[in-house]
Amino acid sequence: MSRFHQRLNEDLQDPEFAEAFNDMSVDIALLQVLEEARKALNVSEKELAERMGVQRPTVTRLFNAAHPNPTLDTIADILRALGLQAEIKISPATRGMRLFPLRPRLFVAKRNCL
């Protein structure tokens, strides 16, 4: 095992570090999948940027940042620009944990019109 992985395993013993690392690795994994999809669809970064209505450096930075932190809106924009859709599955993190019924609710703020 490399020194890096030894140190990482030690650091992952700290719950706060482990949570932050897992959160970050999810972002990175999602962006890697989107980058692979972009390449498989033969869409250049320039073309993706045009489809998203942003500058090319924005797309390049998103896929190459050391610490990416895309918003759900950005992920949705990328998916839409690539003609893809995604599903989010929510399930218990531990075995035996019951998942309570989830019912999505839409809250619409009303504007006061004069």
PDB file of N, CA and C in Angstrom:
ATOM      1  N   MET A   1       0.850  -1.179   0.000  1.00  0.00           N
ATOM      2  CA  MET A   1       0.000   0.000   0.000  1.00  0.00           C
ATOM      3  C   MET A   1       0.895   1.242   0.000  1.00  0.00           C
ATOM      4  N   SER A   2       0.552   2.210  -0.837  1.00  0.00           N
ATOM      5  CA  SER A   2       1.355   3.429  -0.941  1.00  0.00           C
ATOM      6  C   SER A   2       1.214   4.282   0.317  1.00  0.00           C
ATOM      7  N   ARG A   3       2.157   5.189   0.488  1.00  0.00           N
ATOM      8  CA  ARG A   3       2.084   6.113   1.633  1.00  0.00           C
ATOM      9  C   ARG A   3       0.817   6.949   1.573  1.00  0.00           C
ATOM     10  N   PHE A   4       0.465   7.351   0.359  1.00  0.00           N
ATOM     11  CA  PHE A   4      -0.756   8.146   0.200  1.00  0.00           C
ATOM     12  C   PHE A   4      -1.961   7.392   0.750  1.00  0.00           C
ATOM     13  N   HIS A   5      -2.119   6.121   0.337  1.00  0.00           N
ATOM     14  CA  HIS A   5      -3.274   5.352   0.779  1.00  0.00           C
ATOM     15  C   HIS A   5      -3.213   5.041   2.271  1.00  0.00           C
ATOM     16  N   GLN A   6      -2.006   4.838   2.804  1.00  0.00           N
ATOM     17  CA  GLN A   6      -1.867   4.639   4.251  1.00  0.00           C
ATOM     18  C   GLN A   6      -2.332   5.879   4.996  1.00  0.00           C
ATOM     19  N   ARG A   7      -1.877   7.040   4.530  1.00  0.00           N
ATOM     20  CA  ARG A   7      -2.261   8.303   5.177  1.00  0.00           C
ATOM     21  C   ARG A   7      -3.760   8.555   5.016  1.00  0.00           C
ATOM     22  N   LEU A   8      -4.291   8.269   3.849  1.00  0.00           N
ATOM     23  CA  LEU A   8      -5.710   8.449   3.612  1.00  0.00           C
ATOM     24  C   LEU A   8      -6.526   7.558   4.545  1.00  0.00           C
ATOM     25  N   ASN A   9      -6.121   6.307   4.694  1.00  0.00           N
ATOM     26  CA  ASN A   9      -6.825   5.400   5.601  1.00  0.00           C
ATOM     27  C   ASN A   9      -6.788   5.909   7.036  1.00  0.00           C
ATOM     28  N   GLU A  10      -5.666   6.469   7.441  1.00  0.00           N
ATOM     29  CA  GLU A  10      -5.562   7.051   8.780  1.00  0.00           C
ATOM     30  C   GLU A  10      -6.505   8.249   8.913  1.00  0.00           C
ATOM     31  N   ASP A  11      -6.469   9.123   7.919  1.00  0.00           N
ATOM     32  CA  ASP A  11      -7.317  10.320   7.952  1.00  0.00           C
ATOM     33  C   ASP A  11      -8.796   9.966   7.941  1.00  0.00           C
ATOM     34  N   LEU A  12      -9.156   8.885   7.252  1.00  0.00           N
ATOM     35  CA  LEU A  12     -10.568   8.482   7.171  1.00  0.00           C
ATOM     36  C   LEU A  12     -11.108   7.967   8.503  1.00  0.00           C
ATOM     37  N   GLN A  13     -10.231   7.750   9.462  1.00  0.00           N
ATOM     38  CA  GLN A  13     -10.679   7.350  10.801  1.00  0.00           C
ATOM     39  C   GLN A  13     -11.349   8.523  11.529  1.00  0.00           C
ATOM     40  N   ASP A  14     -11.031   9.730  11.110  1.00  0.00           N
ATOM     41  CA  ASP A  14     -11.646  10.932  11.669  1.00  0.00           C
ATOM     42  C   ASP A  14     -13.003  11.126  11.000  1.00  0.00           C
ATOM     43  N   PRO A  15     -14.113  11.021  11.760  1.00  0.00           N
ATOM     44  CA  PRO A  15     -15.451  11.104  11.149  1.00  0.00           C
ATOM     45  C   PRO A  15     -15.696  12.387  10.361  1.00  0.00           C
ATOM     46  N   GLU A  16     -15.180  13.508  10.841  1.00  0.00           N
ATOM     47  CA  GLU A  16     -15.392  14.776  10.136  1.00  0.00           C
ATOM     48  C   GLU A  16     -14.665  14.769   8.789  1.00  0.00           C
ATOM     49  N   PHE A  17     -13.418  14.280   8.786  1.00  0.00           N
ATOM     50  CA  PHE A  17     -12.666  14.174   7.542  1.00  0.00           C
ATOM     51  C   PHE A  17     -13.347  13.200   6.592  1.00  0.00           C
ATOM     52  N   ALA A  18     -13.769  12.046   7.118  1.00  0.00           N
ATOM     53  CA  ALA A  18     -14.402  11.017   6.290  1.00  0.00           C
ATOM     54  C   ALA A  18     -15.663  11.554   5.625  1.00  0.00           C
ATOM     55  N   GLU A  19     -16.464  12.309   6.359  1.00  0.00           N
ATOM     56  CA  GLU A  19     -17.688  12.873   5.780  1.00  0.00           C
ATOM     57  C   GLU A  19     -17.365  13.857   4.662  1.00  0.00           C
ATOM     58  N   ALA A  20     -16.399  14.739   4.908  1.00  0.00           N
ATOM     59  CA  ALA A  20     -16.013  15.716   3.888  1.00  0.00           C
ATOM     60  C   ALA A  20     -15.415  15.017   2.667  1.00  0.00           C
ATOM     61  N   PHE A  21     -14.590  14.006   2.894  1.00  0.00           N
ATOM     62  CA  PHE A  21     -13.969  13.259   1.798  1.00  0.00           C
ATOM     63  C   PHE A  21     -15.028  12.557   0.965  1.00  0.00           C
ATOM     64  N   ASN A  22     -15.986  11.902   1.620  1.00  0.00           N
ATOM     65  CA  ASN A  22     -17.044  11.204   0.895  1.00  0.00           C
ATOM     66  C   ASN A  22     -17.915  12.164   0.122  1.00  0.00           C
ATOM     67  N   ASP A  23     -18.221  13.320   0.704  1.00  0.00           N
ATOM     68  CA  ASP A  23     -19.005  14.329  -0.014  1.00  0.00           C
ATOM     69  C   ASP A  23     -18.267  14.783  -1.262  1.00  0.00           C
ATOM     70  N   MET A  24     -16.973  15.031  -1.131  1.00  0.00           N
ATOM     71  CA  MET A  24     -16.175  15.497  -2.260  1.00  0.00           C
ATOM     72  C   MET A  24     -16.038  14.402  -3.310  1.00  0.00           C
ATOM     73  N   SER A  25     -15.853  13.166  -2.871  1.00  0.00           N
ATOM     74  CA  SER A  25     -15.652  12.097  -3.843  1.00  0.00           C
ATOM     75  C   SER A  25     -16.920  11.845  -4.653  1.00  0.00           C
ATOM     76  N   VAL A  26     -18.085  12.116  -4.085  1.00  0.00           N
ATOM     77  CA  VAL A  26     -19.334  11.982  -4.836  1.00  0.00           C
ATOM     78  C   VAL A  26     -19.372  13.011  -5.961  1.00  0.00           C
ATOM     79  N   ASP A  27     -18.992  14.256  -5.659  1.00  0.00           N
ATOM     80  CA  ASP A  27     -18.940  15.303  -6.683  1.00  0.00           C
ATOM     81  C   ASP A  27     -17.988  14.919  -7.805  1.00  0.00           C
ATOM     82  N   ILE A  28     -16.810  14.446  -7.420  1.00  0.00           N
ATOM     83  CA  ILE A  28     -15.802  14.080  -8.408  1.00  0.00           C
ATOM     84  C   ILE A  28     -16.289  12.914  -9.264  1.00  0.00           C
ATOM     85  N   ALA A  29     -16.883  11.896  -8.630  1.00  0.00           N
ATOM     86  CA  ALA A  29     -17.373  10.732  -9.370  1.00  0.00           C
ATOM     87  C   ALA A  29     -18.470  11.138 -10.346  1.00  0.00           C
ATOM     88  N   LEU A  30     -19.371  12.006  -9.920  1.00  0.00           N
ATOM     89  CA  LEU A  30     -20.452  12.452 -10.797  1.00  0.00           C
ATOM     90  C   LEU A  30     -19.897  13.216 -11.991  1.00  0.00           C
ATOM     91  N   LEU A  31     -18.955  14.100 -11.741  1.00  0.00           N
ATOM     92  CA  LEU A  31     -18.364  14.853 -12.847  1.00  0.00           C
ATOM     93  C   LEU A  31     -17.573  13.941 -13.791  1.00  0.00           C
ATOM     94  N   GLN A  32     -16.936  12.909 -13.251  1.00  0.00           N
ATOM     95  CA  GLN A  32     -16.219  11.968 -14.115  1.00  0.00           C
ATOM     96  C   GLN A  32     -17.191  11.245 -15.039  1.00  0.00           C
ATOM     97  N   VAL A  33     -18.338  10.844 -14.513  1.00  0.00           N
ATOM     98  CA  VAL A  33     -19.345  10.174 -15.341  1.00  0.00           C
ATOM     99  C   VAL A  33     -19.854  11.120 -16.426  1.00  0.00           C
ATOM    100  N   LEU A  34     -20.118  12.363 -16.062  1.00  0.00           N
ATOM    101  CA  LEU A  34     -20.590  13.342 -17.049  1.00  0.00           C
ATOM    102  C   LEU A  34     -19.521  13.631 -18.104  1.00  0.00           C
ATOM    103  N   GLU A  35     -18.269  13.682 -17.688  1.00  0.00           N
ATOM    104  CA  GLU A  35     -17.174  13.902 -18.639  1.00  0.00           C
ATOM    105  C   GLU A  35     -17.065  12.717 -19.596  1.00  0.00           C
ATOM    106  N   GLU A  36     -17.172  11.499 -19.087  1.00  0.00           N
ATOM    107  CA  GLU A  36     -17.133  10.317 -19.945  1.00  0.00           C
ATOM    108  C   GLU A  36     -18.306  10.315 -20.920  1.00  0.00           C
ATOM    109  N   ALA A  37     -19.479  10.722 -20.446  1.00  0.00           N
ATOM    110  CA  ALA A  37     -20.656  10.786 -21.316  1.00  0.00           C
ATOM    111  C   ALA A  37     -20.442  11.821 -22.419  1.00  0.00           C
ATOM    112  N   ARG A  38     -19.889  12.978 -22.042  1.00  0.00           N
ATOM    113  CA  ARG A  38     -19.627  14.039 -23.024  1.00  0.00           C
ATOM    114  C   ARG A  38     -18.714  13.520 -24.128  1.00  0.00           C
ATOM    115  N   LYS A  39     -17.655  12.828 -23.718  1.00  0.00           N
ATOM    116  CA  LYS A  39     -16.707  12.292 -24.702  1.00  0.00           C
ATOM    117  C   LYS A  39     -17.348  11.200 -25.549  1.00  0.00           C
ATOM    118  N   ALA A  40     -18.131  10.322 -24.937  1.00  0.00           N
ATOM    119  CA  ALA A  40     -18.784   9.238 -25.668  1.00  0.00           C
ATOM    120  C   ALA A  40     -19.771   9.788 -26.696  1.00  0.00           C
ATOM    121  N   LEU A  41     -20.364  10.935 -26.392  1.00  0.00           N
ATOM    122  CA  LEU A  41     -21.315  11.562 -27.310  1.00  0.00           C
ATOM    123  C   LEU A  41     -20.616  12.471 -28.322  1.00  0.00           C
ATOM    124  N   ASN A  42     -19.285  12.519 -28.270  1.00  0.00           N
ATOM    125  CA  ASN A  42     -18.489  13.354 -29.170  1.00  0.00           C
ATOM    126  C   ASN A  42     -18.881  14.821 -29.109  1.00  0.00           C
ATOM    127  N   VAL A  43     -19.082  15.305 -27.890  1.00  0.00           N
ATOM    128  CA  VAL A  43     -19.414  16.715 -27.674  1.00  0.00           C
ATOM    129  C   VAL A  43     -18.166  17.384 -27.093  1.00  0.00           C
ATOM    130  N   SER A  44     -17.669  18.392 -27.769  1.00  0.00           N
ATOM    131  CA  SER A  44     -16.482  19.100 -27.279  1.00  0.00           C
ATOM    132  C   SER A  44     -16.870  19.982 -26.087  1.00  0.00           C
ATOM    133  N   GLU A  45     -15.855  20.396 -25.336  1.00  0.00           N
ATOM    134  CA  GLU A  45     -16.124  21.321 -24.227  1.00  0.00           C
ATOM    135  C   GLU A  45     -16.720  22.620 -24.763  1.00  0.00           C
ATOM    136  N   LYS A  46     -16.237  23.060 -25.917  1.00  0.00           N
ATOM    137  CA  LYS A  46     -16.752  24.292 -26.523  1.00  0.00           C
ATOM    138  C   LYS A  46     -18.238  24.136 -26.865  1.00  0.00           C
ATOM    139  N   GLU A  47     -18.586  23.006 -27.484  1.00  0.00           N
ATOM    140  CA  GLU A  47     -19.978  22.774 -27.851  1.00  0.00           C
ATOM    141  C   GLU A  47     -20.865  22.640 -26.608  1.00  0.00           C
ATOM    142  N   LEU A  48     -20.365  21.967 -25.583  1.00  0.00           N
ATOM    143  CA  LEU A  48     -21.130  21.836 -24.341  1.00  0.00           C
ATOM    144  C   LEU A  48     -21.370  23.206 -23.729  1.00  0.00           C
ATOM    145  N   ALA A  49     -20.334  24.037 -23.718  1.00  0.00           N
ATOM    146  CA  ALA A  49     -20.471  25.394 -23.178  1.00  0.00           C
ATOM    147  C   ALA A  49     -21.528  26.177 -23.944  1.00  0.00           C
ATOM    148  N   GLU A  50     -21.500  26.067 -25.276  1.00  0.00           N
ATOM    149  CA  GLU A  50     -22.490  26.774 -26.091  1.00  0.00           C
ATOM    150  C   GLU A  50     -23.899  26.291 -25.772  1.00  0.00           C
ATOM    151  N   ARG A  51     -24.063  24.983 -25.646  1.00  0.00           N
ATOM    152  CA  ARG A  51     -25.379  24.424 -25.336  1.00  0.00           C
ATOM    153  C   ARG A  51     -25.869  24.868 -23.958  1.00  0.00           C
ATOM    154  N   MET A  52     -24.928  25.044 -23.036  1.00  0.00           N
ATOM    155  CA  MET A  52     -25.287  25.457 -21.677  1.00  0.00           C
ATOM    156  C   MET A  52     -25.444  26.965 -21.554  1.00  0.00           C
ATOM    157  N   GLY A  53     -24.946  27.700 -22.546  1.00  0.00           N
ATOM    158  CA  GLY A  53     -25.021  29.158 -22.488  1.00  0.00           C
ATOM    159  C   GLY A  53     -23.982  29.764 -21.558  1.00  0.00           C
ATOM    160  N   VAL A  54     -22.816  29.097 -21.467  1.00  0.00           N
ATOM    161  CA  VAL A  54     -21.719  29.605 -20.634  1.00  0.00           C
ATOM    162  C   VAL A  54     -20.450  29.664 -21.471  1.00  0.00           C
ATOM    163  N   GLN A  55     -19.408  30.264 -20.915  1.00  0.00           N
ATOM    164  CA  GLN A  55     -18.116  30.344 -21.594  1.00  0.00           C
ATOM    165  C   GLN A  55     -17.385  29.004 -21.469  1.00  0.00           C
ATOM    166  N   ARG A  56     -16.569  28.698 -22.463  1.00  0.00           N
ATOM    167  CA  ARG A  56     -15.816  27.439 -22.440  1.00  0.00           C
ATOM    168  C   ARG A  56     -14.949  27.289 -21.189  1.00  0.00           C
ATOM    169  N   PRO A  57     -14.253  28.337 -20.731  1.00  0.00           N
ATOM    170  CA  PRO A  57     -13.441  28.170 -19.518  1.00  0.00           C
ATOM    171  C   PRO A  57     -14.256  27.718 -18.297  1.00  0.00           C
ATOM    172  N   THR A  58     -15.522  28.073 -18.277  1.00  0.00           N
ATOM    173  CA  THR A  58     -16.386  27.637 -17.174  1.00  0.00           C
ATOM    174  C   THR A  58     -16.518  26.120 -17.185  1.00  0.00           C
ATOM    175  N   VAL A  59     -16.732  25.544 -18.358  1.00  0.00           N
ATOM    176  CA  VAL A  59     -16.869  24.090 -18.484  1.00  0.00           C
ATOM    177  C   VAL A  59     -15.536  23.416 -18.194  1.00  0.00           C
ATOM    178  N   THR A  60     -14.461  23.950 -18.744  1.00  0.00           N
ATOM    179  CA  THR A  60     -13.133  23.381 -18.515  1.00  0.00           C
ATOM    180  C   THR A  60     -12.808  23.372 -17.027  1.00  0.00           C
ATOM    181  N   ARG A  61     -13.057  24.481 -16.363  1.00  0.00           N
ATOM    182  CA  ARG A  61     -12.785  24.605 -14.927  1.00  0.00           C
ATOM    183  C   ARG A  61     -13.620  23.605 -14.129  1.00  0.00           C
ATOM    184  N   LEU A  62     -14.862  23.431 -14.528  1.00  0.00           N
ATOM    185  CA  LEU A  62     -15.754  22.520 -13.813  1.00  0.00           C
ATOM    186  C   LEU A  62     -15.221  21.090 -13.850  1.00  0.00           C
ATOM    187  N   PHE A  63     -14.760  20.656 -15.011  1.00  0.00           N
ATOM    188  CA  PHE A  63     -14.289  19.283 -15.152  1.00  0.00           C
ATOM    189  C   PHE A  63     -12.848  19.082 -14.690  1.00  0.00           C
ATOM    190  N   ASN A  64     -12.091  20.168 -14.508  1.00  0.00           N
ATOM    191  CA  ASN A  64     -10.681  20.033 -14.132  1.00  0.00           C
ATOM    192  C   ASN A  64     -10.335  20.631 -12.774  1.00  0.00           C
ATOM    193  N   ALA A  65     -11.310  21.144 -12.059  1.00  0.00           N
ATOM    194  CA  ALA A  65     -11.027  21.770 -10.772  1.00  0.00           C
ATOM    195  C   ALA A  65     -10.546  20.739  -9.759  1.00  0.00           C
ATOM    196  N   ALA A  66      -9.648  21.173  -8.895  1.00  0.00           N
ATOM    197  CA  ALA A  66      -9.144  20.284  -7.848  1.00  0.00           C
ATOM    198  C   ALA A  66     -10.248  19.967  -6.834  1.00  0.00           C
ATOM    199  N   HIS A  67     -11.118  20.932  -6.590  1.00  0.00           N
ATOM    200  CA  HIS A  67     -12.201  20.751  -5.624  1.00  0.00           C
ATOM    201  C   HIS A  67     -13.525  21.195  -6.239  1.00  0.00           C
ATOM    202  N   PRO A  68     -14.051  20.405  -7.158  1.00  0.00           N
ATOM    203  CA  PRO A  68     -15.301  20.817  -7.806  1.00  0.00           C
ATOM    204  C   PRO A  68     -16.448  20.807  -6.807  1.00  0.00           C
ATOM    205  N   ASN A  69     -17.381  21.690  -7.005  1.00  0.00           N
ATOM    206  CA  ASN A  69     -18.538  21.759  -6.132  1.00  0.00           C
ATOM    207  C   ASN A  69     -19.745  22.188  -6.967  1.00  0.00           C
ATOM    208  N   PRO A  70     -20.153  21.334  -7.909  1.00  0.00           N
ATOM    209  CA  PRO A  70     -21.246  21.732  -8.798  1.00  0.00           C
ATOM    210  C   PRO A  70     -22.579  21.784  -8.057  1.00  0.00           C
ATOM    211  N   THR A  71     -23.408  22.739  -8.435  1.00  0.00           N
ATOM    212  CA  THR A  71     -24.754  22.802  -7.874  1.00  0.00           C
ATOM    213  C   THR A  71     -25.646  21.834  -8.642  1.00  0.00           C
ATOM    214  N   LEU A  72     -26.801  21.537  -8.088  1.00  0.00           N
ATOM    215  CA  LEU A  72     -27.753  20.684  -8.799  1.00  0.00           C
ATOM    216  C   LEU A  72     -28.195  21.344 -10.099  1.00  0.00           C
ATOM    217  N   ASP A  73     -28.309  22.659 -10.091  1.00  0.00           N
ATOM    218  CA  ASP A  73     -28.680  23.372 -11.319  1.00  0.00           C
ATOM    219  C   ASP A  73     -27.618  23.179 -12.405  1.00  0.00           C
ATOM    220  N   THR A  74     -26.344  23.214 -12.012  1.00  0.00           N
ATOM    221  CA  THR A  74     -25.269  23.013 -12.982  1.00  0.00           C
ATOM    222  C   THR A  74     -25.308  21.595 -13.528  1.00  0.00           C
ATOM    223  N   ILE A  75     -25.514  20.625 -12.650  1.00  0.00           N
ATOM    224  CA  ILE A  75     -25.610  19.223 -13.090  1.00  0.00           C
ATOM    225  C   ILE A  75     -26.785  19.076 -14.051  1.00  0.00           C
ATOM    226  N   ALA A  76     -27.914  19.682 -13.719  1.00  0.00           N
ATOM    227  CA  ALA A  76     -29.097  19.617 -14.588  1.00  0.00           C
ATOM    228  C   ALA A  76     -28.813  20.271 -15.937  1.00  0.00           C
ATOM    229  N   ASP A  77     -28.078  21.392 -15.942  1.00  0.00           N
ATOM    230  CA  ASP A  77     -27.724  22.069 -17.192  1.00  0.00           C
ATOM    231  C   ASP A  77     -26.847  21.180 -18.070  1.00  0.00           C
ATOM    232  N   ILE A  78     -25.880  20.499 -17.457  1.00  0.00           N
ATOM    233  CA  ILE A  78     -25.002  19.608 -18.215  1.00  0.00           C
ATOM    234  C   ILE A  78     -25.807  18.456 -18.800  1.00  0.00           C
ATOM    235  N   LEU A  79     -26.648  17.846 -17.968  1.00  0.00           N
ATOM    236  CA  LEU A  79     -27.466  16.727 -18.443  1.00  0.00           C
ATOM    237  C   LEU A  79     -28.347  17.153 -19.610  1.00  0.00           C
ATOM    238  N   ARG A  80     -28.998  18.289 -19.460  1.00  0.00           N
ATOM    239  CA  ARG A  80     -29.887  18.794 -20.513  1.00  0.00           C
ATOM    240  C   ARG A  80     -29.097  19.061 -21.792  1.00  0.00           C
ATOM    241  N   ALA A  81     -27.918  19.665 -21.645  1.00  0.00           N
ATOM    242  CA  ALA A  81     -27.091  19.989 -22.809  1.00  0.00           C
ATOM    243  C   ALA A  81     -26.598  18.730 -23.528  1.00  0.00           C
ATOM    244  N   LEU A  82     -26.464  17.631 -22.780  1.00  0.00           N
ATOM    245  CA  LEU A  82     -26.026  16.367 -23.383  1.00  0.00           C
ATOM    246  C   LEU A  82     -27.200  15.486 -23.798  1.00  0.00           C
ATOM    247  N   GLY A  83     -28.416  15.944 -23.525  1.00  0.00           N
ATOM    248  CA  GLY A  83     -29.589  15.149 -23.869  1.00  0.00           C
ATOM    249  C   GLY A  83     -29.734  13.923 -22.989  1.00  0.00           C
ATOM    250  N   LEU A  84     -29.307  14.046 -21.741  1.00  0.00           N
ATOM    251  CA  LEU A  84     -29.359  12.932 -20.802  1.00  0.00           C
ATOM    252  C   LEU A  84     -30.297  13.249 -19.645  1.00  0.00           C
ATOM    253  N   GLN A  85     -30.651  12.223 -18.912  1.00  0.00           N
ATOM    254  CA  GLN A  85     -31.400  12.413 -17.675  1.00  0.00           C
ATOM    255  C   GLN A  85     -30.747  11.563 -16.604  1.00  0.00           C
ATOM    256  N   ALA A  86     -31.017  11.873 -15.352  1.00  0.00           N
ATOM    257  CA  ALA A  86     -30.435  11.132 -14.233  1.00  0.00           C
ATOM    258  C   ALA A  86     -31.517  10.829 -13.221  1.00  0.00           C
ATOM    259  N   GLU A  87     -31.288   9.814 -12.449  1.00  0.00           N
ATOM    260  CA  GLU A  87     -32.193   9.452 -11.365  1.00  0.00           C
ATOM    261  C   GLU A  87     -31.406   9.503 -10.065  1.00  0.00           C
ATOM    262  N   ILE A  88     -32.053   9.984  -9.038  1.00  0.00           N
ATOM    263  CA  ILE A  88     -31.451   9.982  -7.714  1.00  0.00           C
ATOM    264  C   ILE A  88     -32.186   8.943  -6.890  1.00  0.00           C
ATOM    265  N   LYS A  89     -31.446   8.007  -6.355  1.00  0.00           N
ATOM    266  CA  LYS A  89     -32.039   6.954  -5.541  1.00  0.00           C
ATOM    267  C   LYS A  89     -31.689   7.219  -4.090  1.00  0.00           C
ATOM    268  N   ILE A  90     -32.683   7.237  -3.244  1.00  0.00           N
ATOM    269  CA  ILE A  90     -32.475   7.444  -1.820  1.00  0.00           C
ATOM    270  C   ILE A  90     -32.756   6.125  -1.120  1.00  0.00           C
ATOM    271  N   SER A  91     -31.768   5.661  -0.372  1.00  0.00           N
ATOM    272  CA  SER A  91     -31.915   4.397   0.335  1.00  0.00           C
ATOM    273  C   SER A  91     -31.183   4.482   1.665  1.00  0.00           C
ATOM    274  N   PRO A  92     -31.519   3.576   2.588  1.00  0.00           N
ATOM    275  CA  PRO A  92     -30.848   3.602   3.900  1.00  0.00           C
ATOM    276  C   PRO A  92     -29.347   3.392   3.750  1.00  0.00           C
ATOM    277  N   ALA A  93     -28.583   4.102   4.560  1.00  0.00           N
ATOM    278  CA  ALA A  93     -27.132   3.989   4.514  1.00  0.00           C
ATOM    279  C   ALA A  93     -26.645   2.732   5.229  1.00  0.00           C
ATOM    280  N   THR A  94     -27.438   2.201   6.133  1.00  0.00           N
ATOM    281  CA  THR A  94     -27.028   1.011   6.877  1.00  0.00           C
ATOM    282  C   THR A  94     -28.096  -0.062   6.755  1.00  0.00           C
ATOM    283  N   ARG A  95     -27.657  -1.300   6.824  1.00  0.00           N
ATOM    284  CA  ARG A  95     -28.594  -2.426   6.747  1.00  0.00           C
ATOM    285  C   ARG A  95     -29.551  -2.398   7.933  1.00  0.00           C
ATOM    286  N   GLY A  96     -30.756  -2.814   7.683  1.00  0.00           N
ATOM    287  CA  GLY A  96     -31.744  -2.910   8.758  1.00  0.00           C
ATOM    288  C   GLY A  96     -32.447  -1.606   9.074  1.00  0.00           C
ATOM    289  N   MET A  97     -31.947  -0.505   8.540  1.00  0.00           N
ATOM    290  CA  MET A  97     -32.586   0.787   8.786  1.00  0.00           C
ATOM    291  C   MET A  97     -33.807   0.905   7.889  1.00  0.00           C
ATOM    292  N   ARG A  98     -34.952   1.201   8.493  1.00  0.00           N
ATOM    293  CA  ARG A  98     -36.165   1.376   7.701  1.00  0.00           C
ATOM    294  C   ARG A  98     -36.200   2.780   7.143  1.00  0.00           C
ATOM    295  N   LEU A  99     -36.599   2.868   5.916  1.00  0.00           N
ATOM    296  CA  LEU A  99     -36.724   4.174   5.277  1.00  0.00           C
ATOM    297  C   LEU A  99     -38.168   4.614   5.406  1.00  0.00           C
ATOM    298  N   PHE A 100     -38.367   5.760   6.006  1.00  0.00           N
ATOM    299  CA  PHE A 100     -39.716   6.293   6.164  1.00  0.00           C
ATOM    300  C   PHE A 100     -40.269   6.686   4.800  1.00  0.00           C
ATOM    301  N   PRO A 101     -41.581   6.720   4.669  1.00  0.00           N
ATOM    302  CA  PRO A 101     -42.152   7.101   3.358  1.00  0.00           C
ATOM    303  C   PRO A 101     -41.754   8.530   2.990  1.00  0.00           C
ATOM    304  N   LEU A 102     -41.299   8.682   1.781  1.00  0.00           N
ATOM    305  CA  LEU A 102     -40.904  10.003   1.296  1.00  0.00           C
ATOM    306  C   LEU A 102     -41.953  10.501   0.313  1.00  0.00           C
ATOM    307  N   ARG A 103     -42.434  11.690   0.555  1.00  0.00           N
ATOM    308  CA  ARG A 103     -43.415  12.300  -0.341  1.00  0.00           C
ATOM    309  C   ARG A 103     -42.900  13.681  -0.732  1.00  0.00           C
ATOM    310  N   PRO A 104     -42.563  13.847  -1.991  1.00  0.00           N
ATOM    311  CA  PRO A 104     -42.072  15.159  -2.411  1.00  0.00           C
ATOM    312  C   PRO A 104     -43.168  16.204  -2.306  1.00  0.00           C
ATOM    313  N   ARG A 105     -42.777  17.373  -1.905  1.00  0.00           N
ATOM    314  CA  ARG A 105     -43.724  18.485  -1.806  1.00  0.00           C
ATOM    315  C   ARG A 105     -43.160  19.668  -2.570  1.00  0.00           C
ATOM    316  N   LEU A 106     -44.004  20.332  -3.246  1.00  0.00           N
ATOM    317  CA  LEU A 106     -43.595  21.503  -4.012  1.00  0.00           C
ATOM    318  C   LEU A 106     -44.155  22.719  -3.320  1.00  0.00           C
ATOM    319  N   PHE A 107     -43.295  23.608  -2.929  1.00  0.00           N
ATOM    320  CA  PHE A 107     -43.717  24.854  -2.296  1.00  0.00           C
ATOM    321  C   PHE A 107     -43.510  25.976  -3.294  1.00  0.00           C
ATOM    322  N   VAL A 108     -44.552  26.684  -3.565  1.00  0.00           N
ATOM    323  CA  VAL A 108     -44.469  27.796  -4.497  1.00  0.00           C
ATOM    324  C   VAL A 108     -44.738  29.080  -3.720  1.00  0.00           C
ATOM    325  N   ALA A 109     -43.777  29.951  -3.759  1.00  0.00           N
ATOM    326  CA  ALA A 109     -43.930  31.239  -3.067  1.00  0.00           C
ATOM    327  C   ALA A 109     -44.792  32.149  -3.923  1.00  0.00           C
ATOM    328  N   LYS A 110     -45.799  32.725  -3.312  1.00  0.00           N
ATOM    329  CA  LYS A 110     -46.668  33.666  -4.032  1.00  0.00           C
ATOM    330  C   LYS A 110     -46.117  35.062  -3.895  1.00  0.00           C
ATOM    331  N   ARG A 111     -46.136  35.772  -5.004  1.00  0.00           N
ATOM    332  CA  ARG A 111     -45.676  37.160  -4.994  1.00  0.00           C
ATOM    333  C   ARG A 111     -46.863  38.066  -4.800  1.00  0.00           C
ATOM    334  N   ASN A 112     -46.685  39.088  -3.992  1.00  0.00           N
ATOM    335  CA  ASN A 112     -47.728  40.088  -3.823  1.00  0.00           C
ATOM    336  C   ASN A 112     -47.690  41.040  -4.999  1.00  0.00           C
ATOM    337  N   CYS A 113     -48.760  41.125  -5.685  1.00  0.00           N
ATOM    338  CA  CYS A 113     -48.849  42.019  -6.837  1.00  0.00           C
ATOM    339  C   CYS A 113     -49.682  43.225  -6.461  1.00  0.00           C
ATOM    340  N   LEU A 114     -49.215  44.394  -6.766  1.00  0.00           N
ATOM    341  CA  LEU A 114     -49.985  45.614  -6.472  1.00  0.00           C
ATOM    342  C   LEU A 114     -50.732  46.079  -7.684  1.00  0.00           C
TER     343      LEU A 114
END
